[in-house]
Amino acid sequence: MTDDMDTLAARLLYDREVAPELLDEWTALVAAPKPDRAREFSVALLLRAGAEWLALPATCLDEAARPGPIHAVPYLSSPVFRGLINMGGELLPCVSLADLLRSERADIQARPRVIAISLAQGRFALLVEEVAGTARFHPDDLRPAPDTVSLSPRPLVQGLVKLEGRLAGLLDAQALGEALLGSLRP
């Protein structure tokens, strides 16, 4: 008997006439443009170069892999520019990000990775000590970089952001590309 009463109550609730004002309000809500939630957040790859945690904008990222053989280039290879590495069948200049940033070495066990990135200046392979994964952050959460970083001759970090519980320096893609090109010059 209760099932029949529930069915009757549901039918009375859902089969009733909708007031024209309520119908207009619902139509306006459904027709209104939706906020673009994908643009509210930025995504970055959290990585460690030496002792520094950094965030690389995900728009630059092509692939990440375990390091393979790096082929030295005579008279050009250095601690920063290690040589050429094969990434997906393409030879890319491989640069040690820790040495580029002059980062201190960490006593933490490294799980090295090579990250292929595409920038306005070209494609490069970055040798890093560790990759923690990608994380989202709101651009309003970006804090200014400390004076020791922002006033350096080649500031590569545009600010600090908290990702996965770590404070990381968000790399400036344009400045990084220019520094990578500079590391290829003898």
N, C-alpha and C. Protein backbone atom coordinates (compact mmCIF):
# COMPACT_ATOMS: atom_id res chain seq x y z
N MET A 1 0.82 -1.19 0.00
CA MET A 1 0.00 0.00 0.00
C MET A 1 0.87 1.26 0.00
N THR A 2 2.03 1.23 0.70
CA THR A 2 2.89 2.41 0.73
C THR A 2 3.51 2.69 -0.63
N ASP A 3 3.80 1.65 -1.42
CA ASP A 3 4.36 1.88 -2.75
C ASP A 3 3.37 2.65 -3.61
N ASP A 4 2.08 2.32 -3.50
CA ASP A 4 1.06 3.03 -4.27
C ASP A 4 0.95 4.48 -3.82
N MET A 5 1.10 4.73 -2.52
CA MET A 5 1.01 6.08 -1.99
C MET A 5 2.23 6.90 -2.45
N ASP A 6 3.43 6.25 -2.43
CA ASP A 6 4.64 6.94 -2.89
C ASP A 6 4.55 7.26 -4.37
N THR A 7 4.04 6.35 -5.15
CA THR A 7 3.89 6.57 -6.59
C THR A 7 2.92 7.71 -6.85
N LEU A 8 1.81 7.73 -6.12
CA LEU A 8 0.83 8.80 -6.28
C LEU A 8 1.42 10.14 -5.87
N ALA A 9 2.18 10.19 -4.77
CA ALA A 9 2.80 11.43 -4.31
C ALA A 9 3.83 11.92 -5.34
N ALA A 10 4.60 11.00 -5.90
CA ALA A 10 5.59 11.37 -6.92
C ALA A 10 4.90 11.89 -8.17
N ARG A 11 3.84 11.25 -8.58
CA ARG A 11 3.12 11.68 -9.78
C ARG A 11 2.53 13.08 -9.57
N LEU A 12 1.99 13.34 -8.38
CA LEU A 12 1.44 14.66 -8.10
C LEU A 12 2.54 15.73 -8.10
N LEU A 13 3.73 15.35 -7.60
CA LEU A 13 4.84 16.31 -7.53
C LEU A 13 5.40 16.60 -8.93
N TYR A 14 5.64 15.58 -9.72
CA TYR A 14 6.31 15.77 -11.00
C TYR A 14 5.39 16.09 -12.17
N ASP A 15 4.12 15.82 -12.03
CA ASP A 15 3.19 16.09 -13.13
C ASP A 15 2.46 17.42 -12.97
N ARG A 16 2.84 18.23 -12.01
CA ARG A 16 2.15 19.50 -11.81
C ARG A 16 2.60 20.52 -12.84
N GLU A 17 1.79 21.55 -13.03
CA GLU A 17 2.12 22.64 -13.95
C GLU A 17 3.21 23.51 -13.33
N VAL A 18 4.13 23.97 -14.17
CA VAL A 18 5.21 24.86 -13.71
C VAL A 18 4.78 26.29 -13.97
N ALA A 19 4.96 27.12 -12.97
CA ALA A 19 4.58 28.53 -13.10
C ALA A 19 5.43 29.18 -14.20
N PRO A 20 4.83 30.06 -15.04
CA PRO A 20 5.60 30.69 -16.14
C PRO A 20 6.81 31.48 -15.63
N GLU A 21 6.72 32.13 -14.46
CA GLU A 21 7.86 32.87 -13.93
C GLU A 21 9.03 31.94 -13.61
N LEU A 22 8.70 30.78 -13.02
CA LEU A 22 9.72 29.79 -12.68
C LEU A 22 10.35 29.20 -13.94
N LEU A 23 9.53 28.97 -14.95
CA LEU A 23 10.04 28.45 -16.22
C LEU A 23 10.97 29.45 -16.89
N ASP A 24 10.63 30.74 -16.84
CA ASP A 24 11.51 31.78 -17.39
C ASP A 24 12.84 31.84 -16.62
N GLU A 25 12.76 31.72 -15.29
CA GLU A 25 13.98 31.76 -14.48
C GLU A 25 14.90 30.57 -14.80
N TRP A 26 14.33 29.38 -14.91
CA TRP A 26 15.11 28.19 -15.23
C TRP A 26 15.72 28.30 -16.64
N THR A 27 14.95 28.82 -17.57
CA THR A 27 15.45 28.99 -18.94
C THR A 27 16.63 29.95 -18.96
N ALA A 28 16.54 31.04 -18.21
CA ALA A 28 17.64 32.01 -18.16
C ALA A 28 18.88 31.39 -17.52
N LEU A 29 18.70 30.58 -16.47
CA LEU A 29 19.84 29.92 -15.82
C LEU A 29 20.54 28.95 -16.76
N VAL A 30 19.77 28.16 -17.49
CA VAL A 30 20.34 27.17 -18.40
C VAL A 30 21.00 27.84 -19.59
N ALA A 31 20.43 28.95 -20.08
CA ALA A 31 20.96 29.63 -21.26
C ALA A 31 22.16 30.53 -20.94
N ALA A 32 22.38 30.87 -19.68
CA ALA A 32 23.49 31.77 -19.31
C ALA A 32 24.83 31.11 -19.61
N PRO A 33 25.82 31.91 -20.04
CA PRO A 33 27.15 31.32 -20.30
C PRO A 33 27.76 30.75 -19.02
N LYS A 34 28.37 29.62 -19.16
CA LYS A 34 28.97 28.94 -18.02
C LYS A 34 30.39 29.47 -17.80
N PRO A 35 30.83 29.56 -16.56
CA PRO A 35 32.21 29.99 -16.31
C PRO A 35 33.18 28.95 -16.85
N ASP A 36 34.26 29.40 -17.46
CA ASP A 36 35.26 28.50 -18.01
C ASP A 36 36.22 28.11 -16.89
N ARG A 37 35.91 27.00 -16.24
CA ARG A 37 36.69 26.57 -15.09
C ARG A 37 38.10 26.13 -15.47
N ALA A 38 38.32 25.71 -16.70
CA ALA A 38 39.65 25.27 -17.12
C ALA A 38 40.63 26.43 -17.12
N ARG A 39 40.17 27.65 -17.32
CA ARG A 39 41.05 28.80 -17.36
C ARG A 39 41.30 29.40 -15.98
N GLU A 40 40.57 28.93 -14.99
CA GLU A 40 40.75 29.48 -13.65
C GLU A 40 42.04 28.98 -13.02
N PHE A 41 42.50 27.80 -13.40
CA PHE A 41 43.68 27.21 -12.81
C PHE A 41 44.76 27.03 -13.86
N SER A 42 45.99 27.05 -13.41
CA SER A 42 47.13 26.73 -14.26
C SER A 42 47.67 25.39 -13.79
N VAL A 43 48.36 24.70 -14.69
CA VAL A 43 48.92 23.40 -14.36
C VAL A 43 50.43 23.48 -14.56
N ALA A 44 51.16 22.87 -13.64
CA ALA A 44 52.62 22.87 -13.73
C ALA A 44 53.15 21.49 -13.35
N LEU A 45 54.31 21.18 -13.90
CA LEU A 45 55.02 19.96 -13.56
C LEU A 45 55.96 20.28 -12.40
N LEU A 46 55.79 19.58 -11.30
CA LEU A 46 56.62 19.79 -10.12
C LEU A 46 57.86 18.91 -10.25
N LEU A 47 59.04 19.54 -10.19
CA LEU A 47 60.30 18.80 -10.37
C LEU A 47 61.37 19.36 -9.45
N ARG A 48 62.42 18.55 -9.27
CA ARG A 48 63.53 18.99 -8.43
C ARG A 48 64.79 19.04 -9.28
N ALA A 49 65.47 20.18 -9.23
CA ALA A 49 66.75 20.37 -9.90
C ALA A 49 67.77 20.71 -8.82
N GLY A 50 68.68 19.80 -8.55
CA GLY A 50 69.59 20.00 -7.42
C GLY A 50 68.77 19.94 -6.14
N ALA A 51 68.88 20.98 -5.32
CA ALA A 51 68.11 21.04 -4.07
C ALA A 51 66.84 21.85 -4.22
N GLU A 52 66.61 22.42 -5.39
CA GLU A 52 65.48 23.34 -5.60
C GLU A 52 64.26 22.62 -6.19
N TRP A 53 63.10 22.92 -5.62
CA TRP A 53 61.84 22.46 -6.20
C TRP A 53 61.34 23.55 -7.14
N LEU A 54 61.00 23.15 -8.35
CA LEU A 54 60.57 24.09 -9.38
C LEU A 54 59.27 23.61 -9.99
N ALA A 55 58.55 24.56 -10.58
CA ALA A 55 57.31 24.26 -11.29
C ALA A 55 57.48 24.72 -12.73
N LEU A 56 57.35 23.78 -13.66
CA LEU A 56 57.47 24.07 -15.08
C LEU A 56 56.06 24.14 -15.65
N PRO A 57 55.67 25.25 -16.30
CA PRO A 57 54.32 25.31 -16.87
C PRO A 57 54.06 24.11 -17.78
N ALA A 58 52.94 23.46 -17.58
CA ALA A 58 52.62 22.24 -18.33
C ALA A 58 52.46 22.50 -19.83
N THR A 59 52.22 23.73 -20.23
CA THR A 59 52.09 24.04 -21.65
C THR A 59 53.40 23.81 -22.39
N CYS A 60 54.52 23.80 -21.69
CA CYS A 60 55.84 23.59 -22.30
C CYS A 60 56.19 22.11 -22.42
N LEU A 61 55.55 21.27 -21.66
CA LEU A 61 55.93 19.87 -21.51
C LEU A 61 55.57 19.04 -22.74
N ASP A 62 56.53 18.26 -23.24
CA ASP A 62 56.27 17.31 -24.32
C ASP A 62 56.24 15.89 -23.78
N GLU A 63 57.33 15.47 -23.11
CA GLU A 63 57.39 14.12 -22.54
C GLU A 63 58.45 14.07 -21.47
N ALA A 64 58.35 13.04 -20.64
CA ALA A 64 59.35 12.79 -19.60
C ALA A 64 59.75 11.33 -19.69
N ALA A 65 61.04 11.06 -19.50
CA ALA A 65 61.54 9.70 -19.62
C ALA A 65 62.76 9.52 -18.72
N ARG A 66 63.17 8.26 -18.55
CA ARG A 66 64.43 8.00 -17.87
C ARG A 66 65.56 8.43 -18.79
N PRO A 67 66.64 8.92 -18.21
CA PRO A 67 67.73 9.37 -19.08
C PRO A 67 68.38 8.22 -19.83
N GLY A 68 68.61 8.45 -21.10
CA GLY A 68 69.35 7.51 -21.92
C GLY A 68 70.76 8.03 -22.12
N PRO A 69 71.48 7.46 -23.07
CA PRO A 69 72.83 7.94 -23.31
C PRO A 69 72.83 9.38 -23.82
N ILE A 70 73.72 10.17 -23.27
CA ILE A 70 73.88 11.57 -23.69
C ILE A 70 75.20 11.64 -24.46
N HIS A 71 75.14 12.10 -25.68
CA HIS A 71 76.30 12.14 -26.56
C HIS A 71 76.96 13.52 -26.49
N ALA A 72 78.18 13.57 -25.99
CA ALA A 72 78.91 14.83 -25.85
C ALA A 72 79.20 15.42 -27.22
N VAL A 73 79.19 16.74 -27.29
CA VAL A 73 79.53 17.46 -28.51
C VAL A 73 80.91 18.08 -28.30
N PRO A 74 81.91 17.69 -29.13
CA PRO A 74 83.26 18.21 -28.91
C PRO A 74 83.30 19.74 -28.90
N TYR A 75 84.06 20.27 -27.97
CA TYR A 75 84.29 21.71 -27.80
C TYR A 75 83.04 22.49 -27.43
N LEU A 76 81.94 21.82 -27.14
CA LEU A 76 80.72 22.53 -26.79
C LEU A 76 80.11 22.03 -25.49
N SER A 77 80.27 20.74 -25.19
CA SER A 77 79.69 20.18 -23.96
C SER A 77 80.33 20.81 -22.74
N SER A 78 79.53 20.96 -21.70
CA SER A 78 79.97 21.60 -20.46
C SER A 78 79.13 21.02 -19.32
N PRO A 79 79.37 21.45 -18.08
CA PRO A 79 78.50 20.97 -17.00
C PRO A 79 77.03 21.34 -17.22
N VAL A 80 76.76 22.45 -17.89
CA VAL A 80 75.38 22.87 -18.15
C VAL A 80 74.84 22.14 -19.38
N PHE A 81 75.49 22.33 -20.53
CA PHE A 81 75.08 21.64 -21.76
C PHE A 81 75.82 20.31 -21.80
N ARG A 82 75.07 19.23 -21.56
CA ARG A 82 75.68 17.91 -21.46
C ARG A 82 75.96 17.29 -22.82
N GLY A 83 75.15 17.62 -23.82
CA GLY A 83 75.31 17.02 -25.14
C GLY A 83 73.96 16.83 -25.79
N LEU A 84 73.87 15.84 -26.68
CA LEU A 84 72.63 15.55 -27.39
C LEU A 84 72.04 14.24 -26.88
N ILE A 85 70.72 14.20 -26.78
CA ILE A 85 70.03 13.00 -26.32
C ILE A 85 68.89 12.69 -27.27
N ASN A 86 68.64 11.41 -27.48
CA ASN A 86 67.57 10.98 -28.36
C ASN A 86 66.26 10.92 -27.57
N MET A 87 65.32 11.73 -27.97
CA MET A 87 63.98 11.73 -27.35
C MET A 87 62.96 11.51 -28.45
N GLY A 88 62.38 10.35 -28.49
CA GLY A 88 61.36 10.04 -29.49
C GLY A 88 61.88 10.10 -30.92
N GLY A 89 63.15 9.71 -31.12
CA GLY A 89 63.72 9.70 -32.45
C GLY A 89 64.30 11.04 -32.90
N GLU A 90 64.28 12.04 -32.02
CA GLU A 90 64.83 13.36 -32.36
C GLU A 90 65.98 13.67 -31.40
N LEU A 91 67.09 14.15 -31.94
CA LEU A 91 68.21 14.55 -31.11
C LEU A 91 67.94 15.95 -30.56
N LEU A 92 67.94 16.04 -29.23
CA LEU A 92 67.68 17.32 -28.57
C LEU A 92 68.88 17.73 -27.74
N PRO A 93 69.14 19.04 -27.64
CA PRO A 93 70.19 19.48 -26.73
C PRO A 93 69.76 19.20 -25.29
N CYS A 94 70.64 18.54 -24.54
CA CYS A 94 70.32 18.15 -23.17
C CYS A 94 71.07 19.08 -22.20
N VAL A 95 70.31 19.73 -21.33
CA VAL A 95 70.85 20.72 -20.40
C VAL A 95 70.52 20.28 -18.98
N SER A 96 71.51 20.35 -18.10
CA SER A 96 71.28 20.09 -16.68
C SER A 96 70.63 21.32 -16.08
N LEU A 97 69.39 21.19 -15.65
CA LEU A 97 68.67 22.33 -15.09
C LEU A 97 69.31 22.81 -13.79
N ALA A 98 69.81 21.89 -12.97
CA ALA A 98 70.46 22.27 -11.71
C ALA A 98 71.69 23.11 -11.98
N ASP A 99 72.49 22.72 -12.97
CA ASP A 99 73.70 23.48 -13.29
C ASP A 99 73.36 24.81 -13.95
N LEU A 100 72.30 24.83 -14.75
CA LEU A 100 71.86 26.08 -15.37
C LEU A 100 71.46 27.10 -14.30
N LEU A 101 70.77 26.62 -13.28
CA LEU A 101 70.31 27.49 -12.19
C LEU A 101 71.36 27.70 -11.11
N ARG A 102 72.48 27.00 -11.22
CA ARG A 102 73.54 27.02 -10.20
C ARG A 102 72.97 26.61 -8.84
N SER A 103 72.16 25.59 -8.87
CA SER A 103 71.52 25.09 -7.65
C SER A 103 72.49 24.21 -6.87
N GLU A 104 72.37 24.26 -5.56
CA GLU A 104 73.19 23.39 -4.71
C GLU A 104 72.78 21.95 -4.92
N ARG A 105 73.71 21.04 -4.73
CA ARG A 105 73.41 19.62 -4.81
C ARG A 105 72.71 19.18 -3.54
N ALA A 106 71.76 18.29 -3.70
CA ALA A 106 71.00 17.82 -2.54
C ALA A 106 71.53 16.46 -2.11
N ASP A 107 71.40 16.18 -0.82
CA ASP A 107 71.80 14.88 -0.29
C ASP A 107 70.69 13.85 -0.43
N ILE A 108 69.61 14.25 -1.09
CA ILE A 108 68.46 13.38 -1.28
C ILE A 108 68.76 12.43 -2.43
N GLN A 109 68.31 11.19 -2.32
CA GLN A 109 68.51 10.23 -3.41
C GLN A 109 67.78 10.72 -4.65
N ALA A 110 68.48 10.75 -5.75
CA ALA A 110 67.91 11.25 -7.01
C ALA A 110 67.26 10.12 -7.79
N ARG A 111 66.17 10.47 -8.47
CA ARG A 111 65.53 9.59 -9.46
C ARG A 111 65.52 10.39 -10.76
N PRO A 112 66.68 10.46 -11.43
CA PRO A 112 66.81 11.38 -12.57
C PRO A 112 65.82 11.10 -13.69
N ARG A 113 65.40 12.18 -14.32
CA ARG A 113 64.50 12.12 -15.47
C ARG A 113 64.97 13.14 -16.49
N VAL A 114 64.60 12.90 -17.73
CA VAL A 114 64.83 13.85 -18.81
C VAL A 114 63.46 14.31 -19.27
N ILE A 115 63.29 15.62 -19.34
CA ILE A 115 62.01 16.19 -19.73
C ILE A 115 62.20 16.93 -21.05
N ALA A 116 61.47 16.51 -22.07
CA ALA A 116 61.49 17.22 -23.35
C ALA A 116 60.47 18.35 -23.28
N ILE A 117 60.93 19.56 -23.61
CA ILE A 117 60.04 20.72 -23.57
C ILE A 117 60.09 21.46 -24.90
N SER A 118 58.99 22.12 -25.22
CA SER A 118 58.92 22.98 -26.41
C SER A 118 58.70 24.41 -25.95
N LEU A 119 59.60 25.27 -26.38
CA LEU A 119 59.52 26.69 -26.06
C LEU A 119 59.57 27.48 -27.36
N ALA A 120 59.38 28.77 -27.27
CA ALA A 120 59.45 29.61 -28.46
C ALA A 120 60.83 29.51 -29.10
N GLN A 121 61.86 29.24 -28.31
CA GLN A 121 63.23 29.16 -28.81
C GLN A 121 63.57 27.79 -29.40
N GLY A 122 62.71 26.80 -29.26
CA GLY A 122 62.95 25.46 -29.80
C GLY A 122 62.67 24.38 -28.78
N ARG A 123 63.04 23.15 -29.14
CA ARG A 123 62.86 22.00 -28.24
C ARG A 123 64.17 21.71 -27.52
N PHE A 124 64.05 21.37 -26.24
CA PHE A 124 65.20 21.07 -25.41
C PHE A 124 64.87 19.87 -24.53
N ALA A 125 65.91 19.24 -24.02
CA ALA A 125 65.77 18.19 -23.02
C ALA A 125 66.40 18.69 -21.73
N LEU A 126 65.65 18.64 -20.65
CA LEU A 126 66.14 19.08 -19.35
C LEU A 126 66.43 17.87 -18.49
N LEU A 127 67.64 17.81 -17.96
CA LEU A 127 68.02 16.74 -17.04
C LEU A 127 67.71 17.23 -15.62
N VAL A 128 66.82 16.52 -14.91
CA VAL A 128 66.42 16.91 -13.56
C VAL A 128 66.61 15.72 -12.61
N GLU A 129 66.67 16.02 -11.32
CA GLU A 129 66.89 14.96 -10.33
C GLU A 129 65.63 14.16 -9.99
N GLU A 130 64.46 14.80 -10.10
CA GLU A 130 63.23 14.13 -9.69
C GLU A 130 62.03 14.83 -10.30
N VAL A 131 61.01 14.05 -10.64
CA VAL A 131 59.73 14.60 -11.10
C VAL A 131 58.65 14.09 -10.14
N ALA A 132 57.91 15.01 -9.53
CA ALA A 132 56.87 14.63 -8.57
C ALA A 132 55.50 14.51 -9.22
N GLY A 133 55.32 15.06 -10.42
CA GLY A 133 54.03 14.98 -11.11
C GLY A 133 53.48 16.37 -11.38
N THR A 134 52.27 16.40 -11.92
CA THR A 134 51.63 17.67 -12.24
C THR A 134 50.70 18.08 -11.11
N ALA A 135 50.52 19.39 -11.00
CA ALA A 135 49.62 19.92 -9.97
C ALA A 135 48.99 21.20 -10.49
N ARG A 136 47.77 21.47 -10.00
CA ARG A 136 47.06 22.69 -10.39
C ARG A 136 47.27 23.76 -9.33
N PHE A 137 47.26 25.01 -9.78
CA PHE A 137 47.32 26.13 -8.85
C PHE A 137 46.56 27.29 -9.46
N HIS A 138 46.10 28.16 -8.60
CA HIS A 138 45.40 29.35 -9.06
C HIS A 138 46.43 30.45 -9.25
N PRO A 139 46.40 31.17 -10.39
CA PRO A 139 47.40 32.23 -10.62
C PRO A 139 47.45 33.28 -9.52
N ASP A 140 46.34 33.49 -8.81
CA ASP A 140 46.34 34.47 -7.71
C ASP A 140 47.18 33.99 -6.53
N ASP A 141 47.47 32.67 -6.46
CA ASP A 141 48.27 32.12 -5.37
C ASP A 141 49.77 32.30 -5.60
N LEU A 142 50.16 32.82 -6.74
CA LEU A 142 51.56 33.04 -7.07
C LEU A 142 52.11 34.17 -6.21
N ARG A 143 53.15 33.86 -5.43
CA ARG A 143 53.78 34.87 -4.58
C ARG A 143 55.00 35.45 -5.31
N PRO A 144 55.36 36.66 -4.99
CA PRO A 144 56.55 37.23 -5.64
C PRO A 144 57.81 36.45 -5.25
N ALA A 145 58.74 36.38 -6.19
CA ALA A 145 60.02 35.72 -5.92
C ALA A 145 60.83 36.57 -4.96
N PRO A 146 61.64 35.94 -4.11
CA PRO A 146 62.48 36.74 -3.20
C PRO A 146 63.47 37.59 -3.99
N ASP A 147 63.94 38.67 -3.38
CA ASP A 147 64.85 39.59 -4.06
C ASP A 147 66.11 38.90 -4.55
N THR A 148 66.59 37.90 -3.83
CA THR A 148 67.80 37.21 -4.26
C THR A 148 67.60 36.51 -5.60
N VAL A 149 66.36 36.15 -5.90
CA VAL A 149 66.05 35.50 -7.18
C VAL A 149 65.64 36.53 -8.22
N SER A 150 64.73 37.42 -7.86
CA SER A 150 64.18 38.35 -8.85
C SER A 150 65.19 39.40 -9.30
N LEU A 151 66.19 39.70 -8.49
CA LEU A 151 67.19 40.70 -8.88
C LEU A 151 68.47 40.09 -9.43
N SER A 152 68.46 38.77 -9.66
CA SER A 152 69.65 38.13 -10.22
C SER A 152 69.81 38.54 -11.68
N PRO A 153 71.03 38.37 -12.24
CA PRO A 153 71.25 38.80 -13.62
C PRO A 153 70.32 38.11 -14.63
N ARG A 154 70.00 36.83 -14.39
CA ARG A 154 69.09 36.10 -15.28
C ARG A 154 67.99 35.44 -14.45
N PRO A 155 66.99 36.20 -14.05
CA PRO A 155 65.96 35.56 -13.23
C PRO A 155 65.10 34.61 -14.07
N LEU A 156 65.12 33.35 -13.70
CA LEU A 156 64.33 32.35 -14.43
C LEU A 156 63.03 32.03 -13.70
N VAL A 157 62.91 32.45 -12.45
CA VAL A 157 61.73 32.15 -11.64
C VAL A 157 60.88 33.41 -11.57
N GLN A 158 59.61 33.27 -11.96
CA GLN A 158 58.72 34.44 -11.94
C GLN A 158 57.98 34.60 -10.63
N GLY A 159 57.98 33.58 -9.80
CA GLY A 159 57.32 33.67 -8.51
C GLY A 159 57.34 32.33 -7.81
N LEU A 160 56.77 32.30 -6.63
CA LEU A 160 56.71 31.07 -5.84
C LEU A 160 55.26 30.61 -5.72
N VAL A 161 55.07 29.31 -5.79
CA VAL A 161 53.74 28.74 -5.68
C VAL A 161 53.82 27.46 -4.86
N LYS A 162 52.77 27.18 -4.10
CA LYS A 162 52.74 25.97 -3.28
C LYS A 162 52.05 24.86 -4.07
N LEU A 163 52.80 23.79 -4.33
CA LEU A 163 52.28 22.63 -5.07
C LEU A 163 52.57 21.37 -4.29
N GLU A 164 51.57 20.54 -4.12
CA GLU A 164 51.74 19.26 -3.43
C GLU A 164 52.43 19.43 -2.07
N GLY A 165 52.13 20.53 -1.38
CA GLY A 165 52.71 20.77 -0.07
C GLY A 165 54.13 21.31 -0.10
N ARG A 166 54.66 21.58 -1.31
CA ARG A 166 56.02 22.10 -1.42
C ARG A 166 55.99 23.51 -2.02
N LEU A 167 56.87 24.36 -1.55
CA LEU A 167 57.01 25.69 -2.13
C LEU A 167 57.97 25.57 -3.30
N ALA A 168 57.50 25.91 -4.51
CA ALA A 168 58.30 25.73 -5.72
C ALA A 168 58.39 27.05 -6.48
N GLY A 169 59.50 27.23 -7.14
CA GLY A 169 59.69 28.40 -7.99
C GLY A 169 59.08 28.15 -9.36
N LEU A 170 58.14 28.99 -9.77
CA LEU A 170 57.51 28.84 -11.08
C LEU A 170 58.44 29.41 -12.14
N LEU A 171 58.87 28.54 -13.06
CA LEU A 171 59.80 28.96 -14.10
C LEU A 171 59.11 29.83 -15.14
N ASP A 172 59.79 30.87 -15.58
CA ASP A 172 59.31 31.74 -16.65
C ASP A 172 59.76 31.11 -17.96
N ALA A 173 58.82 30.68 -18.80
CA ALA A 173 59.14 29.94 -20.02
C ALA A 173 60.01 30.76 -20.98
N GLN A 174 59.73 32.05 -21.11
CA GLN A 174 60.51 32.90 -22.02
C GLN A 174 61.95 33.03 -21.53
N ALA A 175 62.14 33.33 -20.26
CA ALA A 175 63.48 33.47 -19.70
C ALA A 175 64.23 32.14 -19.72
N LEU A 176 63.52 31.03 -19.47
CA LEU A 176 64.15 29.71 -19.52
C LEU A 176 64.65 29.42 -20.93
N GLY A 177 63.83 29.72 -21.94
CA GLY A 177 64.23 29.48 -23.33
C GLY A 177 65.47 30.26 -23.70
N GLU A 178 65.54 31.52 -23.27
CA GLU A 178 66.71 32.34 -23.56
C GLU A 178 67.96 31.81 -22.85
N ALA A 179 67.80 31.36 -21.61
CA ALA A 179 68.93 30.80 -20.87
C ALA A 179 69.40 29.48 -21.50
N LEU A 180 68.45 28.67 -21.98
CA LEU A 180 68.81 27.41 -22.63
C LEU A 180 69.59 27.68 -23.92
N LEU A 181 69.14 28.66 -24.70
CA LEU A 181 69.87 29.02 -25.91
C LEU A 181 71.27 29.51 -25.57
N GLY A 182 71.38 30.31 -24.52
CA GLY A 182 72.68 30.83 -24.09
C GLY A 182 73.63 29.73 -23.66
N SER A 183 73.07 28.63 -23.11
CA SER A 183 73.94 27.54 -22.64
C SER A 183 74.54 26.76 -23.80
N LEU A 184 74.02 26.95 -25.01
CA LEU A 184 74.54 26.22 -26.18
C LEU A 184 75.71 26.95 -26.82
N ARG A 185 75.97 28.17 -26.39
CA ARG A 185 77.09 28.94 -26.96
C ARG A 185 78.37 28.59 -26.25
N PRO A 186 79.50 28.44 -26.99
CA PRO A 186 80.77 28.09 -26.33
C PRO A 186 81.29 29.21 -25.46
